Amino acid sequence: DPDVRVVVIGATGNVGTSLLQALSRDERVDSILGIARRRPGLAFPRTDWAEANVTSTDLRPHLRGADVVVHLAWAIQPSRDLRTLWEVNVEGSARVFRAAGEAGVPALVYASSVGAYSPGPKDRYVDESWPAGGIDSSFYARHKAEVERRLDGFERERPAVRVVRVRPGLIFKREAAEGIRRLFAGPLFPSPLARPGALPIFPDVPRLRFQGVHSLDVGEAYRLAAVGDARGAFNVAAEPVLDSAELARLLRARLVPVPARVLRAATALSWRLRLQPTPAGWLDLALSVPLLDTTRARTELGWQPRHSASEAFCELLAGMRDRAEADTPPLSRRTSGRFRSREFLSGVGGRGI
């Protein structure tokens, strides 16, 4: 269908910038509106920008006339302010869905996650029918699962709207390295450590098995979902599975057995001491979520990853070492301030920056 108008909400982050790159190369896409809280310096062909906040802005004027809305906006920090995260992630998503329905948008693509799934197996793959109940100890997983329930209600109320849910694994790319470092490692993380051989040991934790995927490949999945006619949920991930052995190989580190409870206690303590911004629920998520069967994305979307999960992880590592960035507020090193001062002033995950 030519002359497709796409609105991307949360267009300046890791996935948003990859999606805009994919959409701008698609001749069927006539125009793109990227919506974000803060206007970026990046430019893409046929793309305009609008500033809006999913928690407060009337989104309907931005969505009227769109053929499809892709909702990517999501907050991971401030991890110490769960009320703010709920308002952005859950209530903000519900506002997007409601605005899309009231604006008469015929298709809605939502950025779900492997984190939406209930605990599952690590020795086999599960398809999209696996329960999406989240992981209780992870705010990220709880929020993703709750938004899926809100989206269930939206689909019941508006059955004519084509709804797609994309559920990717962990998403990496070089240009997102500074943003990912800020969100998960914090201001005390020494960038030179993100180099193979810099860490002598790596923890061998049996259930530390998860999937990664390159951001550009995820952007392509969202493009296919946006311009096609698919409905429903799609798992998106690349091979190989990233387990302790593979991560140690990529880092050129020696595996040392570490009980999961010890690793969790260390993570929780360092978070409480504000040494880093990631609560222990993220480790629980990595240890609990199932491995994803991507057959449906490959057969119904026609999606195929161009990068392996190991390549994507190594690209992120190199980006963290080089302090790679993109000219958008979520991905720019300028957002952290000189000597990462704004991260310290935020209380290391106490409030957003």
Protein backbone atom coordinates (compact mmCIF):
# COMPACT_ATOMS: atom_id res chain seq x y z
CA ASP A 1 0.00 0.00 0.00
CA PRO A 2 1.79 3.18 -1.15
CA ASP A 3 1.76 6.53 0.65
CA VAL A 4 1.76 5.06 4.16
CA ARG A 5 1.89 7.61 6.98
CA VAL A 6 3.62 6.28 10.11
CA VAL A 7 3.75 7.88 13.55
CA VAL A 8 6.48 6.60 15.87
CA ILE A 9 6.08 7.44 19.56
CA GLY A 10 9.38 7.19 21.40
CA ALA A 11 11.34 7.67 18.20
CA THR A 12 14.70 8.83 19.59
CA GLY A 13 15.86 5.80 21.56
CA ASN A 14 17.74 2.62 20.76
CA VAL A 15 14.94 1.03 18.72
CA GLY A 16 13.23 4.21 17.57
CA THR A 17 16.27 5.45 15.67
CA SER A 18 16.68 2.02 14.04
CA LEU A 19 13.02 1.97 13.02
CA LEU A 20 13.22 5.45 11.49
CA GLN A 21 16.24 4.30 9.49
CA ALA A 22 14.30 1.29 8.20
CA LEU A 23 11.13 3.25 7.42
CA SER A 24 13.01 6.00 5.60
CA ARG A 25 14.32 3.42 3.12
CA ASP A 26 10.85 1.99 2.40
CA GLU A 27 9.34 3.51 -0.75
CA ARG A 28 5.84 2.68 0.48
CA VAL A 29 6.24 5.07 3.40
CA ASP A 30 5.23 8.56 2.35
CA SER A 31 5.79 10.36 5.65
CA ILE A 32 7.02 9.69 9.17
CA LEU A 33 6.29 11.65 12.33
CA GLY A 34 8.73 10.98 15.16
CA ILE A 35 7.37 11.89 18.59
CA ALA A 36 9.62 12.30 21.63
CA ARG A 37 9.82 14.34 24.82
CA ARG A 38 12.85 16.21 23.51
CA ARG A 39 13.69 17.09 19.93
CA PRO A 40 16.83 15.33 18.60
CA GLY A 41 19.57 16.59 16.34
CA LEU A 42 19.29 13.56 14.04
CA ALA A 43 17.47 13.87 10.71
CA PHE A 44 15.92 11.15 8.58
CA PRO A 45 14.38 11.37 5.08
CA ARG A 46 10.64 12.15 4.99
CA THR A 47 10.62 12.48 8.78
CA ASP A 48 9.21 15.34 10.87
CA TRP A 49 9.51 15.71 14.64
CA ALA A 50 7.03 16.63 17.35
CA GLU A 51 7.61 17.04 21.07
CA ALA A 52 5.06 15.36 23.31
CA ASN A 53 4.84 13.55 26.64
CA VAL A 54 2.78 10.36 26.80
CA THR A 55 1.71 11.17 30.36
CA SER A 56 0.22 14.61 29.68
CA THR A 57 0.09 15.71 26.01
CA ASP A 58 -3.11 15.38 23.99
CA LEU A 59 -1.77 12.95 21.39
CA ARG A 60 -4.83 12.83 19.15
CA PRO A 61 -3.86 15.79 16.90
CA HIS A 62 -0.52 14.07 16.18
CA LEU A 63 -2.18 10.75 15.35
CA ARG A 64 -5.04 11.86 13.11
CA GLY A 65 -4.45 10.80 9.51
CA ALA A 66 -1.87 8.16 10.44
CA ASP A 67 -2.10 4.74 8.83
CA VAL A 68 -0.18 3.13 11.67
CA VAL A 69 1.13 4.17 15.09
CA VAL A 70 4.20 2.43 16.51
CA HIS A 71 4.41 2.86 20.28
CA LEU A 72 7.97 2.51 21.58
CA ALA A 73 8.07 5.04 24.44
CA TRP A 74 9.20 3.42 27.69
CA ALA A 75 11.11 4.46 30.82
CA ILE A 76 13.71 2.27 32.49
CA GLN A 77 14.98 4.99 34.82
CA PRO A 78 14.51 6.35 37.46
CA SER A 79 14.53 2.84 38.91
CA ARG A 80 14.02 4.23 42.44
CA ASP A 81 10.78 6.01 41.54
CA LEU A 82 8.24 3.32 40.71
CA ARG A 83 5.33 5.78 40.65
CA THR A 84 6.91 7.77 37.84
CA LEU A 85 7.76 4.59 35.94
CA TRP A 86 4.17 3.34 36.26
CA GLU A 87 2.80 6.67 35.03
CA VAL A 88 5.04 6.61 31.95
CA ASN A 89 5.03 2.93 31.11
CA VAL A 90 1.53 1.75 32.00
CA GLU A 91 -0.70 4.80 32.13
CA GLY A 92 1.26 6.46 29.31
CA SER A 93 0.81 3.41 27.10
CA ALA A 94 -2.90 3.29 27.90
CA ARG A 95 -3.15 6.97 26.87
CA VAL A 96 -1.42 6.17 23.57
CA PHE A 97 -3.83 3.30 22.86
CA ARG A 98 -6.84 5.43 23.73
CA ALA A 99 -5.63 8.34 21.59
CA ALA A 100 -4.98 6.03 18.63
CA GLY A 101 -8.49 4.61 18.91
CA GLU A 102 -10.12 8.04 19.21
CA ALA A 103 -8.05 9.38 16.29
CA GLY A 104 -9.28 6.55 14.08
CA VAL A 105 -5.85 5.01 13.43
CA PRO A 106 -6.39 1.66 11.66
CA ALA A 107 -3.23 -0.08 12.92
CA LEU A 108 -1.23 -0.06 16.16
CA VAL A 109 2.16 -1.69 16.74
CA TYR A 110 3.29 -1.98 20.36
CA ALA A 111 6.79 -2.60 21.71
CA SER A 112 6.37 -5.44 24.13
CA SER A 113 9.29 -7.56 25.32
CA VAL A 114 10.53 -10.98 26.35
CA GLY A 115 10.09 -9.47 29.81
CA ALA A 116 6.31 -9.69 29.44
CA TYR A 117 6.47 -13.48 29.65
CA SER A 118 5.98 -15.54 32.79
CA PRO A 119 8.96 -17.63 33.98
CA GLY A 120 9.78 -20.34 31.48
CA PRO A 121 12.23 -22.98 30.31
CA LYS A 122 15.89 -22.41 29.50
CA ASP A 123 16.37 -25.71 27.64
CA ARG A 124 13.81 -25.22 24.87
CA TYR A 125 12.05 -22.44 22.98
CA VAL A 126 8.51 -21.19 23.55
CA ASP A 127 6.17 -19.54 21.07
CA GLU A 128 3.89 -16.55 21.51
CA SER A 129 1.25 -18.60 23.34
CA TRP A 130 3.42 -18.73 26.49
CA PRO A 131 1.66 -16.82 29.31
CA ALA A 132 2.50 -13.12 29.47
CA GLY A 133 2.32 -12.73 33.23
CA GLY A 134 5.72 -11.10 33.77
CA ILE A 135 8.27 -11.68 36.55
CA ASP A 136 6.98 -10.53 39.93
CA SER A 137 10.25 -9.09 41.26
CA SER A 138 10.97 -7.03 38.11
CA PHE A 139 9.17 -3.69 37.70
CA TYR A 140 10.00 -3.80 33.99
CA ALA A 141 8.37 -7.21 33.58
CA ARG A 142 5.35 -6.28 35.71
CA HIS A 143 4.79 -3.15 33.63
CA LYS A 144 5.20 -4.98 30.32
CA ALA A 145 2.70 -7.63 31.42
CA GLU A 146 0.20 -5.02 32.63
CA VAL A 147 0.40 -3.10 29.34
CA GLU A 148 -0.29 -6.32 27.46
CA ARG A 149 -3.45 -6.71 29.56
CA ARG A 150 -4.42 -3.11 28.76
CA LEU A 151 -3.84 -3.88 25.09
CA ASP A 152 -6.09 -6.95 25.39
CA GLY A 153 -8.85 -4.60 26.54
CA PHE A 154 -8.16 -2.21 23.67
CA GLU A 155 -8.48 -5.04 21.15
CA ARG A 156 -11.80 -6.13 22.64
CA GLU A 157 -13.13 -2.57 22.46
CA ARG A 158 -11.81 -1.88 18.95
CA PRO A 159 -11.67 -5.17 17.02
CA ALA A 160 -11.34 -3.36 13.69
CA VAL A 161 -7.91 -2.01 14.63
CA ARG A 162 -5.01 -4.17 13.47
CA VAL A 163 -2.84 -4.70 16.56
CA VAL A 164 0.70 -6.12 16.55
CA ARG A 165 2.88 -6.84 19.60
CA VAL A 166 6.61 -7.31 19.04
CA ARG A 167 8.39 -9.19 21.84
CA PRO A 168 12.16 -8.91 21.36
CA GLY A 169 15.04 -10.14 23.47
CA LEU A 170 17.75 -7.75 24.70
CA ILE A 171 18.51 -5.14 22.04
CA PHE A 172 22.04 -3.93 21.25
CA LYS A 173 23.78 -1.58 18.83
CA ARG A 174 26.91 0.53 18.86
CA GLU A 175 25.18 3.92 18.72
CA ALA A 176 23.08 3.05 21.78
CA ALA A 177 26.10 2.21 23.92
CA GLU A 178 26.24 5.45 25.90
CA GLY A 179 22.49 5.34 26.53
CA ILE A 180 22.58 1.68 27.62
CA ARG A 181 25.59 2.33 29.87
CA ARG A 182 23.75 5.23 31.53
CA LEU A 183 20.54 3.21 32.05
CA PHE A 184 22.08 -0.01 33.36
CA ALA A 185 25.70 0.47 34.47
CA GLY A 186 25.66 4.03 35.79
CA PRO A 187 28.26 6.78 36.11
CA LEU A 188 30.88 4.70 37.98
CA PHE A 189 31.28 2.18 35.18
CA PRO A 190 34.80 2.51 33.69
CA SER A 191 34.46 2.40 29.92
CA PRO A 192 37.83 0.61 29.41
CA LEU A 193 36.34 -2.46 31.14
CA ALA A 194 34.12 -2.99 28.09
CA ARG A 195 36.96 -4.71 26.30
CA PRO A 196 37.58 -8.42 25.75
CA GLY A 197 40.26 -9.49 28.18
CA ALA A 198 39.70 -6.67 30.65
CA LEU A 199 37.67 -8.85 33.03
CA PRO A 200 39.65 -11.90 34.21
CA ILE A 201 36.60 -13.86 35.40
CA PHE A 202 32.91 -14.13 34.60
CA PRO A 203 30.19 -15.72 36.79
CA ASP A 204 28.99 -19.15 35.72
CA VAL A 205 25.27 -19.13 36.62
CA PRO A 206 23.28 -22.07 35.19
CA ARG A 207 20.06 -20.16 34.38
CA LEU A 208 21.83 -17.09 33.01
CA ARG A 209 20.62 -17.83 29.49
CA PHE A 210 18.95 -15.11 27.45
CA GLN A 211 18.66 -13.89 23.88
CA GLY A 212 19.94 -10.78 22.20
CA VAL A 213 19.26 -9.12 18.88
CA HIS A 214 20.70 -6.20 16.95
CA SER A 215 18.71 -2.98 17.13
CA LEU A 216 18.71 -2.59 13.34
CA ASP A 217 17.18 -6.06 13.02
CA VAL A 218 14.50 -5.11 15.57
CA GLY A 219 13.85 -1.91 13.62
CA GLU A 220 13.30 -4.03 10.53
CA ALA A 221 10.80 -6.21 12.42
CA TYR A 222 8.84 -3.13 13.40
CA ARG A 223 8.93 -1.85 9.82
CA LEU A 224 7.53 -5.14 8.55
CA ALA A 225 4.83 -5.06 11.21
CA ALA A 226 3.95 -1.45 10.40
CA VAL A 227 3.65 -1.64 6.61
CA GLY A 228 2.30 -5.18 6.34
CA ASP A 229 -0.97 -6.77 7.34
CA ALA A 230 0.18 -8.97 10.25
CA ARG A 231 -1.72 -9.18 13.53
CA GLY A 232 -0.88 -10.59 16.93
CA ALA A 233 2.35 -11.22 18.83
CA PHE A 234 5.80 -11.91 17.37
CA ASN A 235 8.94 -13.07 19.16
CA VAL A 236 12.12 -11.47 17.83
CA ALA A 237 15.59 -12.74 18.75
CA ALA A 238 18.83 -13.91 17.15
CA GLU A 239 21.11 -16.88 17.68
CA PRO A 240 23.11 -17.95 19.59
CA VAL A 241 21.65 -17.95 23.09
CA LEU A 242 23.82 -15.75 25.31
CA ASP A 243 24.67 -17.88 28.32
CA SER A 244 27.54 -17.68 30.81
CA ALA A 245 29.83 -19.73 28.58
CA GLU A 246 29.20 -17.62 25.47
CA LEU A 247 29.54 -14.34 27.36
CA ALA A 248 32.79 -15.51 28.94
CA ARG A 249 34.07 -16.49 25.49
CA LEU A 250 33.23 -13.09 24.05
CA LEU A 251 34.82 -11.32 27.02
CA ARG A 252 37.85 -13.67 27.02
CA ALA A 253 37.22 -14.31 30.70
CA ARG A 254 37.51 -17.46 32.81
CA LEU A 255 34.27 -18.96 34.08
CA VAL A 256 33.92 -19.14 37.86
CA PRO A 257 30.87 -20.84 39.42
CA VAL A 258 28.78 -18.31 41.36
CA PRO A 259 25.44 -19.15 43.02
CA ALA A 260 22.61 -17.02 41.64
CA ARG A 261 21.70 -15.88 45.18
CA VAL A 262 25.20 -14.46 45.67
CA LEU A 263 25.08 -12.56 42.40
CA ARG A 264 21.62 -11.27 43.27
CA ALA A 265 22.71 -10.15 46.74
CA ALA A 266 25.65 -8.26 45.25
CA THR A 267 23.42 -6.59 42.69
CA ALA A 268 20.84 -5.60 45.30
CA LEU A 269 23.49 -4.23 47.68
CA SER A 270 25.25 -2.16 45.02
CA TRP A 271 21.87 -0.74 43.95
CA ARG A 272 20.93 0.17 47.54
CA LEU A 273 24.33 1.85 47.97
CA ARG A 274 23.69 3.81 44.74
CA LEU A 275 26.79 2.42 43.10
CA GLN A 276 24.77 1.51 40.02
CA PRO A 277 21.16 2.11 38.84
CA THR A 278 19.96 -1.45 38.13
CA PRO A 279 17.88 -3.25 40.80
CA ALA A 280 18.13 -6.99 41.29
CA GLY A 281 14.83 -7.55 39.46
CA TRP A 282 16.72 -7.25 36.19
CA LEU A 283 18.87 -10.23 37.14
CA ASP A 284 15.72 -12.13 38.14
CA LEU A 285 14.32 -11.35 34.71
CA ALA A 286 17.42 -12.68 32.93
CA LEU A 287 17.33 -15.84 35.04
CA SER A 288 13.59 -16.41 34.60
CA VAL A 289 12.36 -15.46 31.13
CA PRO A 290 11.97 -18.28 28.60
CA LEU A 291 13.88 -18.67 25.35
CA LEU A 292 11.92 -17.39 22.36
CA ASP A 293 10.86 -19.34 19.29
CA THR A 294 10.98 -16.85 16.40
CA THR A 295 9.33 -19.06 13.78
CA ARG A 296 6.25 -16.86 13.50
CA ALA A 297 8.26 -13.69 12.86
CA ARG A 298 10.27 -15.46 10.18
CA THR A 299 7.30 -17.06 8.40
CA GLU A 300 4.53 -14.46 8.79
CA LEU A 301 6.51 -11.21 8.91
CA GLY A 302 9.26 -12.41 6.61
CA TRP A 303 11.80 -11.26 9.21
CA GLN A 304 15.37 -12.53 9.23
CA PRO A 305 18.13 -11.15 11.49
CA ARG A 306 21.24 -9.98 9.68
CA HIS A 307 23.40 -10.01 12.81
CA SER A 308 24.03 -12.78 15.31
CA ALA A 309 23.37 -12.12 18.99
CA SER A 310 27.11 -12.42 19.65
CA GLU A 311 27.91 -9.84 16.96
CA ALA A 312 25.35 -7.46 18.41
CA PHE A 313 26.76 -7.88 21.93
CA CYS A 314 30.34 -7.32 20.75
CA GLU A 315 29.24 -4.22 18.86
CA LEU A 316 27.68 -2.85 22.04
CA LEU A 317 30.87 -3.63 23.99
CA ALA A 318 32.99 -1.76 21.46
CA GLY A 319 30.55 1.15 21.59
CA MET A 320 30.74 1.30 25.39
CA ARG A 321 34.54 1.28 25.24
CA ASP A 322 34.50 4.09 22.66
CA ARG A 323 31.61 5.95 24.34
CA ALA A 324 29.61 5.71 21.11
CA GLU A 325 26.47 7.83 20.87
CA ALA A 326 23.83 9.27 18.57
CA ASP A 327 22.51 12.82 18.46
CA THR A 328 19.33 12.21 20.40
CA PRO A 329 18.76 12.93 24.12
CA PRO A 330 18.43 9.24 25.12
CA LEU A 331 21.60 8.22 23.27
CA SER A 332 23.88 11.26 23.54
CA ARG A 333 26.72 11.47 26.05
CA ARG A 334 25.83 15.14 26.54
CA THR A 335 22.73 14.03 28.42
CA SER A 336 24.99 12.72 31.20
CA GLY A 337 26.72 16.07 31.64
CA ARG A 338 30.41 16.76 32.06
CA PHE A 339 32.12 13.87 33.87
CA ARG A 340 28.65 12.20 34.04
CA SER A 341 27.67 14.83 36.60
CA ARG A 342 23.94 14.68 35.85
CA GLU A 343 23.91 10.96 36.55
CA PHE A 344 25.41 11.57 39.99
CA LEU A 345 23.01 14.44 40.64
CA SER A 346 20.08 12.19 39.72
CA GLY A 347 20.96 9.96 42.68
CA VAL A 348 22.08 7.18 40.30
CA GLY A 349 18.58 6.21 39.27
CA GLY A 350 16.71 8.39 41.73
CA ARG A 351 15.20 10.63 39.11
CA GLY A 352 15.26 10.96 35.35
CA ILE A 353 17.76 13.01 33.38
